[in-house]
């Protein structure tokens, strides 16, 4: 019996090591309560596919068809701010930001002309979305959340680098794609797809995303 226990313990330790190796130190498995999962897979350069799953009566079921999406211009495996890569691993899907009201059960925030996401790792607001006029400016770089090209008309925030470790990367979103062009590190898709996605997402089902390599 002890031998079996030791074997099981060694197996679990090996799994944990492999998980950290594959996904990085941000890796954590989804909560037991997770009932929605978005998977980004089949990475080919900056092209990828996205598919949704939902747990029904304890079993995971595929939802709809797979979508063609784009990721960072340098693929996946994010290591630092500005490396042009999308992160790999499991992350919670947090909020929705939009230019207008829309159909979603997720927490919804309307982006104004002053809404920004700070990507300056020296700022106390690093990797946070804020209203610029509400804070004392201590940042040199940021992203406007209300863009002229409308790529952020609908945005789902990804819980990457929630500890806000300086230089690790920031402002990772799901958003509207600019045609077939890559992103700076986000995952982007067609407008009708992200509208379908936010309508499907349900915070009561604790949605997560898995970006594989």
Protein backbone atom coordinates (compact mmCIF):
# COMPACT_ATOMS: atom_id res chain seq x y z
CA UNK A 1 0.00 0.00 0.00
CA UNK A 2 2.81 2.43 0.91
CA UNK A 3 4.49 1.64 -2.40
CA UNK A 4 1.28 2.55 -4.24
CA UNK A 5 0.98 5.77 -2.29
CA UNK A 6 4.57 6.69 -3.06
CA UNK A 7 3.99 5.95 -6.74
CA UNK A 8 0.86 8.13 -6.75
CA UNK A 9 2.67 10.97 -4.98
CA UNK A 10 5.55 10.80 -7.46
CA UNK A 11 3.04 10.85 -10.33
CA UNK A 12 1.30 13.94 -8.97
CA UNK A 13 4.64 15.68 -8.44
CA UNK A 14 5.67 14.87 -12.01
CA UNK A 15 2.34 16.22 -13.31
CA UNK A 16 2.85 19.47 -11.38
CA UNK A 17 6.38 19.88 -12.73
CA UNK A 18 5.21 19.23 -16.28
CA UNK A 19 2.35 21.70 -15.83
CA UNK A 20 4.74 24.41 -14.69
CA UNK A 21 7.12 23.61 -17.52
CA UNK A 22 4.38 23.74 -20.14
CA UNK A 23 2.37 26.67 -18.86
CA UNK A 24 4.73 28.80 -16.77
CA UNK A 25 4.34 30.02 -13.22
CA UNK A 26 0.91 31.54 -13.94
CA UNK A 27 -0.52 28.04 -14.38
CA UNK A 28 -3.32 26.93 -12.15
CA UNK A 29 -6.05 24.45 -13.05
CA UNK A 30 -9.59 25.77 -13.43
CA UNK A 31 -11.73 25.91 -10.34
CA UNK A 32 -13.91 22.91 -9.62
CA UNK A 33 -16.89 25.20 -10.26
CA UNK A 34 -15.73 26.05 -13.80
CA UNK A 35 -18.43 25.11 -16.29
CA UNK A 36 -17.28 27.13 -19.32
CA UNK A 37 -13.95 26.83 -21.08
CA UNK A 38 -12.59 28.63 -24.14
CA UNK A 39 -9.70 26.78 -25.76
CA UNK A 40 -7.24 28.39 -28.20
CA UNK A 41 -5.22 25.72 -29.96
CA UNK A 42 -3.61 24.59 -33.23
CA UNK A 43 -1.18 27.51 -33.21
CA UNK A 44 0.41 28.07 -36.62
CA UNK A 45 2.53 31.22 -36.47
CA UNK A 46 0.01 33.86 -35.45
CA UNK A 47 -3.00 31.88 -36.64
CA UNK A 48 -4.96 29.63 -34.30
CA UNK A 49 -8.36 28.09 -33.70
CA UNK A 50 -10.80 28.70 -30.87
CA UNK A 51 -13.45 26.37 -29.55
CA UNK A 52 -15.87 26.57 -26.62
CA UNK A 53 -16.83 23.91 -24.10
CA UNK A 54 -19.50 23.81 -21.43
CA UNK A 55 -19.92 21.33 -18.58
CA UNK A 56 -23.46 19.93 -18.53
CA UNK A 57 -24.45 17.37 -15.91
CA UNK A 58 -20.79 16.84 -15.05
CA UNK A 59 -19.67 16.22 -18.65
CA UNK A 60 -17.85 18.62 -20.97
CA UNK A 61 -19.64 19.28 -24.24
CA UNK A 62 -18.47 21.18 -27.29
CA UNK A 63 -20.39 24.37 -28.08
CA UNK A 64 -20.70 25.42 -31.72
CA UNK A 65 -18.02 25.28 -34.38
CA UNK A 66 -14.33 26.08 -34.11
CA UNK A 67 -13.37 29.63 -35.12
CA UNK A 68 -10.25 30.85 -36.88
CA UNK A 69 -8.56 33.48 -34.71
CA UNK A 70 -5.26 35.34 -34.54
CA UNK A 71 -2.77 35.64 -31.68
CA UNK A 72 0.44 37.60 -31.08
CA UNK A 73 2.66 38.47 -34.05
CA UNK A 74 5.37 36.22 -32.58
CA UNK A 75 3.02 33.39 -31.67
CA UNK A 76 2.50 32.23 -28.08
CA UNK A 77 4.60 31.71 -24.97
CA UNK A 78 4.68 35.19 -23.53
CA UNK A 79 7.71 35.96 -21.36
CA UNK A 80 7.86 39.73 -21.07
CA UNK A 81 6.13 42.98 -21.89
CA UNK A 82 6.27 43.86 -25.58
CA UNK A 83 7.53 40.49 -26.86
CA UNK A 84 4.59 40.21 -29.28
CA UNK A 85 3.47 36.86 -27.88
CA UNK A 86 0.20 35.68 -26.39
CA UNK A 87 0.48 33.92 -23.02
CA UNK A 88 -0.03 30.17 -22.71
CA UNK A 89 -1.89 28.50 -19.88
CA UNK A 90 -5.20 28.70 -18.05
CA UNK A 91 -6.64 32.10 -17.15
CA UNK A 92 -9.96 33.36 -15.87
CA UNK A 93 -12.17 35.48 -18.11
CA UNK A 94 -12.98 38.51 -16.01
CA UNK A 95 -15.01 41.37 -17.47
CA UNK A 96 -16.39 42.84 -20.67
CA UNK A 97 -15.60 46.37 -21.87
CA UNK A 98 -17.62 47.81 -24.72
CA UNK A 99 -18.50 51.07 -26.46
CA UNK A 100 -22.20 50.44 -25.93
CA UNK A 101 -24.62 48.26 -24.00
CA UNK A 102 -24.86 44.67 -25.24
CA UNK A 103 -26.28 41.28 -24.37
CA UNK A 104 -24.06 39.63 -21.77
CA UNK A 105 -24.28 38.28 -18.24
CA UNK A 106 -20.63 39.20 -17.62
CA UNK A 107 -19.72 42.33 -15.64
CA UNK A 108 -20.00 45.06 -18.29
CA UNK A 109 -18.14 48.37 -18.30
CA UNK A 110 -18.59 51.07 -20.93
CA UNK A 111 -15.33 52.41 -22.31
CA UNK A 112 -15.17 56.21 -22.39
CA UNK A 113 -12.73 58.59 -24.03
CA UNK A 114 -10.73 58.44 -20.79
CA UNK A 115 -10.62 54.64 -20.31
CA UNK A 116 -7.09 53.28 -20.65
CA UNK A 117 -5.11 50.13 -19.89
CA UNK A 118 -1.69 50.90 -18.40
CA UNK A 119 1.24 48.91 -19.82
CA UNK A 120 4.01 50.88 -18.08
CA UNK A 121 5.53 48.36 -15.65
CA UNK A 122 6.81 51.17 -13.42
CA UNK A 123 3.31 52.43 -12.73
CA UNK A 124 1.20 51.53 -9.72
CA UNK A 125 -1.60 51.00 -12.25
CA UNK A 126 0.33 48.47 -14.34
CA UNK A 127 -1.95 45.92 -16.03
CA UNK A 128 -5.07 47.74 -14.87
CA UNK A 129 -7.90 49.40 -16.77
CA UNK A 130 -8.59 52.81 -15.28
CA UNK A 131 -10.29 56.12 -16.00
CA UNK A 132 -7.34 58.42 -16.61
CA UNK A 133 -8.95 61.50 -15.12
CA UNK A 134 -9.56 59.69 -11.82
CA UNK A 135 -5.90 59.06 -10.98
CA UNK A 136 -2.64 60.92 -10.61
CA UNK A 137 -0.61 60.05 -13.70
CA UNK A 138 2.53 58.02 -12.98
CA UNK A 139 2.70 56.12 -16.30
CA UNK A 140 4.40 56.84 -19.59
CA UNK A 141 2.65 54.30 -21.81
CA UNK A 142 -0.89 52.97 -22.06
CA UNK A 143 -3.56 51.77 -24.48
CA UNK A 144 -6.74 53.65 -25.25
CA UNK A 145 -9.72 51.36 -24.69
CA UNK A 146 -11.85 53.43 -27.05
CA UNK A 147 -9.89 53.15 -30.29
CA UNK A 148 -10.57 54.85 -33.61
CA UNK A 149 -10.28 51.51 -35.43
CA UNK A 150 -12.97 49.98 -33.17
CA UNK A 151 -10.92 46.84 -32.44
CA UNK A 152 -11.82 47.28 -28.78
CA UNK A 153 -15.53 47.86 -29.41
CA UNK A 154 -16.07 44.63 -27.46
CA UNK A 155 -13.33 43.30 -25.19
CA UNK A 156 -13.12 40.38 -22.77
CA UNK A 157 -10.36 40.81 -20.20
CA UNK A 158 -8.08 37.82 -19.59
CA UNK A 159 -6.77 37.29 -16.05
CA UNK A 160 -3.10 37.18 -17.10
CA UNK A 161 -0.46 38.46 -14.65
CA UNK A 162 -3.02 39.28 -11.99
CA UNK A 163 -0.17 39.76 -9.52
CA UNK A 164 0.91 42.63 -11.84
CA UNK A 165 4.54 41.50 -11.82
CA UNK A 166 6.51 44.31 -13.51
CA UNK A 167 7.56 43.54 -17.07
CA UNK A 168 5.71 40.23 -17.29
CA UNK A 169 3.03 41.50 -19.65
CA UNK A 170 -0.23 43.37 -19.47
CA UNK A 171 -3.53 44.23 -21.13
CA UNK A 172 -4.29 40.79 -22.56
CA UNK A 173 -7.76 40.70 -24.12
CA UNK A 174 -10.08 38.88 -26.43
CA UNK A 175 -11.15 41.45 -29.02
CA UNK A 176 -12.14 42.12 -32.63
CA UNK A 177 -9.51 41.22 -35.23
CA UNK A 178 -8.00 43.64 -37.71
CA UNK A 179 -8.63 41.41 -40.70
CA UNK A 180 -5.94 38.74 -40.84
CA UNK A 181 -3.32 40.83 -39.02
CA UNK A 182 -1.72 39.52 -35.81
CA UNK A 183 -2.08 41.15 -32.42
CA UNK A 184 0.49 42.45 -29.95
CA UNK A 185 -0.36 39.54 -27.62
CA UNK A 186 -4.14 39.31 -27.44
CA UNK A 187 -6.49 36.81 -29.08
CA UNK A 188 -8.65 38.38 -31.79
CA UNK A 189 -11.63 37.17 -33.80
CA UNK A 190 -14.40 38.43 -36.06
CA UNK A 191 -16.90 40.89 -34.63
CA UNK A 192 -19.90 38.58 -34.83
CA UNK A 193 -17.90 35.89 -33.06
CA UNK A 194 -16.96 37.99 -30.05
CA UNK A 195 -20.57 39.17 -29.79
CA UNK A 196 -21.64 35.52 -29.71
CA UNK A 197 -18.92 34.78 -27.17
CA UNK A 198 -19.90 37.49 -24.69
CA UNK A 199 -23.55 36.53 -24.97
CA UNK A 200 -22.61 32.93 -24.13
CA UNK A 201 -20.24 33.68 -21.23
CA UNK A 202 -21.78 33.42 -17.78
CA UNK A 203 -19.89 34.52 -14.65
CA UNK A 204 -21.90 32.01 -12.60
CA UNK A 205 -20.14 29.29 -14.60
CA UNK A 206 -16.69 30.69 -13.83
CA UNK A 207 -15.41 30.86 -17.43
CA UNK A 208 -11.72 30.25 -18.12
CA UNK A 209 -9.54 30.26 -21.21
CA UNK A 210 -6.82 27.77 -22.10
CA UNK A 211 -4.23 28.97 -24.62
CA UNK A 212 -2.13 25.99 -25.65
CA UNK A 213 1.25 25.99 -27.37
